[in-house]
Protein backbone atom coordinates (compact mmCIF):
# COMPACT_ATOMS: atom_id res chain seq x y z
CA UNK A 1 -6.65 -26.11 40.61
CA UNK A 2 -6.53 -22.31 40.20
CA UNK A 3 -3.48 -22.58 37.96
CA UNK A 4 -5.29 -25.09 35.73
CA UNK A 5 -8.31 -22.75 35.42
CA UNK A 6 -6.05 -19.81 34.56
CA UNK A 7 -4.36 -21.98 31.92
CA UNK A 8 -7.70 -22.97 30.38
CA UNK A 9 -8.92 -19.36 30.30
CA UNK A 10 -5.60 -18.30 28.76
CA UNK A 11 -5.86 -20.96 26.01
CA UNK A 12 -9.45 -19.96 25.17
CA UNK A 13 -8.96 -16.15 25.27
CA UNK A 14 -5.51 -15.86 23.63
CA UNK A 15 -6.55 -16.64 20.01
CA UNK A 16 -9.27 -13.99 20.21
CA UNK A 17 -6.80 -11.41 21.49
CA UNK A 18 -4.38 -12.25 18.69
CA UNK A 19 -7.15 -11.67 16.13
CA UNK A 20 -7.96 -8.34 17.76
CA UNK A 21 -4.34 -7.20 17.53
CA UNK A 22 -3.96 -8.33 13.91
CA UNK A 23 -7.06 -6.33 12.95
CA UNK A 24 -5.64 -3.24 14.65
CA UNK A 25 -2.27 -3.70 12.94
CA UNK A 26 -3.98 -4.09 9.57
CA UNK A 27 -6.01 -0.93 10.10
CA UNK A 28 -2.89 0.96 11.18
CA UNK A 29 -0.88 -0.19 8.19
CA UNK A 30 -3.72 0.51 5.76
CA UNK A 31 -3.85 4.09 7.07
CA UNK A 32 -0.08 4.31 6.60
CA UNK A 33 -0.42 3.09 3.01
CA UNK A 34 -3.28 5.55 2.39
CA UNK A 35 -1.02 8.28 3.77
CA UNK A 36 1.72 7.26 1.32
CA UNK A 37 -0.80 7.45 -1.52
CA UNK A 38 -1.95 10.91 -0.40
CA UNK A 39 1.67 12.03 -0.07
CA UNK A 40 2.37 10.87 -3.63
CA UNK A 41 -0.69 12.82 -4.80
CA UNK A 42 0.52 15.97 -3.04
CA UNK A 43 4.00 15.57 -4.55
CA UNK A 44 2.41 15.42 -8.01
CA UNK A 45 0.49 18.63 -7.33
CA UNK A 46 3.39 20.54 -5.76
CA UNK A 47 6.00 19.42 -8.31
CA UNK A 48 3.64 19.73 -11.28
CA UNK A 49 4.68 16.28 -12.48
CA UNK A 50 3.04 12.91 -12.92
CA UNK A 51 3.93 10.43 -10.18
CA UNK A 52 3.53 6.66 -10.35
CA UNK A 53 2.75 4.62 -7.23
CA UNK A 54 3.95 1.06 -7.75
CA UNK A 55 2.78 -2.03 -5.88
CA UNK A 56 4.68 -5.26 -6.44
CA UNK A 57 2.26 -8.04 -5.52
CA UNK A 58 4.94 -10.73 -5.83
CA UNK A 59 7.45 -9.09 -3.49
CA UNK A 60 4.75 -7.41 -1.36
CA UNK A 61 6.34 -3.96 -1.49
CA UNK A 62 5.42 -0.49 -2.69
CA UNK A 63 7.11 2.75 -3.75
CA UNK A 64 6.51 5.93 -5.73
CA UNK A 65 8.58 7.73 -8.34
CA UNK A 66 8.12 10.67 -10.69
CA UNK A 67 7.00 9.66 -14.18
CA UNK A 68 9.96 11.37 -15.88
CA UNK A 69 12.39 9.41 -13.69
CA UNK A 70 10.36 6.29 -14.39
CA UNK A 71 10.78 6.58 -18.17
CA UNK A 72 14.57 6.62 -18.18
CA UNK A 73 16.23 3.80 -20.03
CA UNK A 74 17.76 2.38 -16.86
CA UNK A 75 15.61 0.12 -14.74
CA UNK A 76 14.44 0.89 -11.21
CA UNK A 77 17.03 -1.46 -9.82
CA UNK A 78 20.15 -0.17 -11.56
CA UNK A 79 21.15 3.46 -11.21
CA UNK A 80 24.29 5.41 -11.91
CA UNK A 81 25.98 6.79 -8.81
CA UNK A 82 25.00 10.40 -9.60
CA UNK A 83 21.32 9.36 -9.72
CA UNK A 84 21.38 7.61 -6.35
CA UNK A 85 19.11 10.23 -4.75
CA UNK A 86 16.40 9.41 -7.34
CA UNK A 87 16.34 5.73 -6.41
CA UNK A 88 12.87 4.91 -5.10
CA UNK A 89 12.58 4.02 -1.45
CA UNK A 90 10.76 0.71 -1.34
CA UNK A 91 8.71 -0.29 1.66
CA UNK A 92 7.68 -3.81 2.60
CA UNK A 93 4.21 -4.94 3.58
CA UNK A 94 4.42 -6.09 7.25
CA UNK A 95 4.57 -9.79 8.09
CA UNK A 96 1.18 -11.45 8.41
CA UNK A 97 -0.44 -9.05 5.91
CA UNK A 98 -0.75 -9.28 2.15
CA UNK A 99 -2.04 -7.15 -0.67
CA UNK A 100 -4.41 -9.69 -2.12
CA UNK A 101 -5.67 -7.63 -5.06
CA UNK A 102 -5.07 -4.38 -6.91
CA UNK A 103 -7.95 -3.14 -9.04
CA UNK A 104 -7.39 -0.10 -11.25
CA UNK A 105 -10.31 2.06 -12.41
CA UNK A 106 -8.42 3.27 -15.48
CA UNK A 107 -5.64 0.93 -16.47
CA UNK A 108 -2.25 2.64 -16.34
CA UNK A 109 0.54 0.26 -17.18
CA UNK A 110 4.20 1.06 -16.85
CA UNK A 111 6.73 -1.50 -18.08
CA UNK A 112 3.94 -4.05 -18.16
CA UNK A 113 3.13 -3.55 -14.46
CA UNK A 114 -0.02 -1.75 -13.31
CA UNK A 115 0.56 1.51 -11.44
CA UNK A 116 -1.55 4.07 -9.65
CA UNK A 117 -0.87 7.31 -11.45
CA UNK A 118 -1.25 10.77 -9.85
CA UNK A 119 -1.46 13.85 -12.04
CA UNK A 120 -0.48 17.51 -11.38
CA UNK A 121 -4.14 18.54 -10.98
CA UNK A 122 -4.53 16.13 -8.06
CA UNK A 123 -6.56 13.49 -9.88
CA UNK A 124 -5.51 9.90 -10.45
CA UNK A 125 -6.40 6.87 -12.52
CA UNK A 126 -8.22 5.49 -9.44
CA UNK A 127 -7.67 2.20 -7.68
CA UNK A 128 -8.80 -0.23 -5.03
CA UNK A 129 -6.17 -1.99 -2.92
CA UNK A 130 -7.31 -5.03 -0.97
CA UNK A 131 -5.32 -5.95 2.15
CA UNK A 132 -5.87 -8.93 4.41
CA UNK A 133 -4.29 -10.71 7.36
CA UNK A 134 -3.70 -14.39 7.99
CA UNK A 135 -6.56 -14.25 10.52
CA UNK A 136 -9.02 -13.14 7.83
CA UNK A 137 -9.30 -9.42 8.57
CA UNK A 138 -9.84 -7.43 5.36
CA UNK A 139 -9.50 -3.77 4.42
CA UNK A 140 -9.83 -1.94 1.10
CA UNK A 141 -8.16 1.37 0.27
CA UNK A 142 -10.02 3.27 -2.43
CA UNK A 143 -8.27 5.97 -4.45
CA UNK A 144 -10.87 8.22 -6.05
CA UNK A 145 -10.14 9.04 -9.71
CA UNK A 146 -11.40 12.64 -9.77
CA UNK A 147 -9.87 13.83 -6.51
CA UNK A 148 -6.98 11.38 -6.13
CA UNK A 149 -7.70 11.12 -2.41
CA UNK A 150 -7.64 7.78 -0.65
CA UNK A 151 -10.05 6.32 1.91
CA UNK A 152 -9.78 3.22 4.09
CA UNK A 153 -12.79 0.93 4.45
CA UNK A 154 -13.07 -2.20 6.60
CA UNK A 155 -14.53 -5.15 4.69
CA UNK A 156 -16.95 -7.27 6.73
């Protein structure tokens, strides 16, 4: 009888615990993504160059690259061997999470894809990145246009 009660409690409590963990993972990843945005901003300031932060909604991945490297005639995916160190390091969105929407304050388009652009003075074109889990947890990362800094907000 005790084993049956433990099984019933386990079946009732487990889905709630899974939702709790997915919310924590989403919050952790959103802070990681905000950190990557802030890092890109700081690279733009330190290097004195424009940096583009790309988000591929179809492949659910993101990366950053300096604007001058971005404008070369070769694509992101094909590089000469001597330019291998300039190849952007792409990162995947974790399983169970998706970037549902990318809203730009000032539309910056690079090769017909929207990008978040960071300028040498620390400002950006501004953006809102909406993340959500399969369980329905939602977070928005806001990149402020005048300061270029990002902030994570939980959406209720």
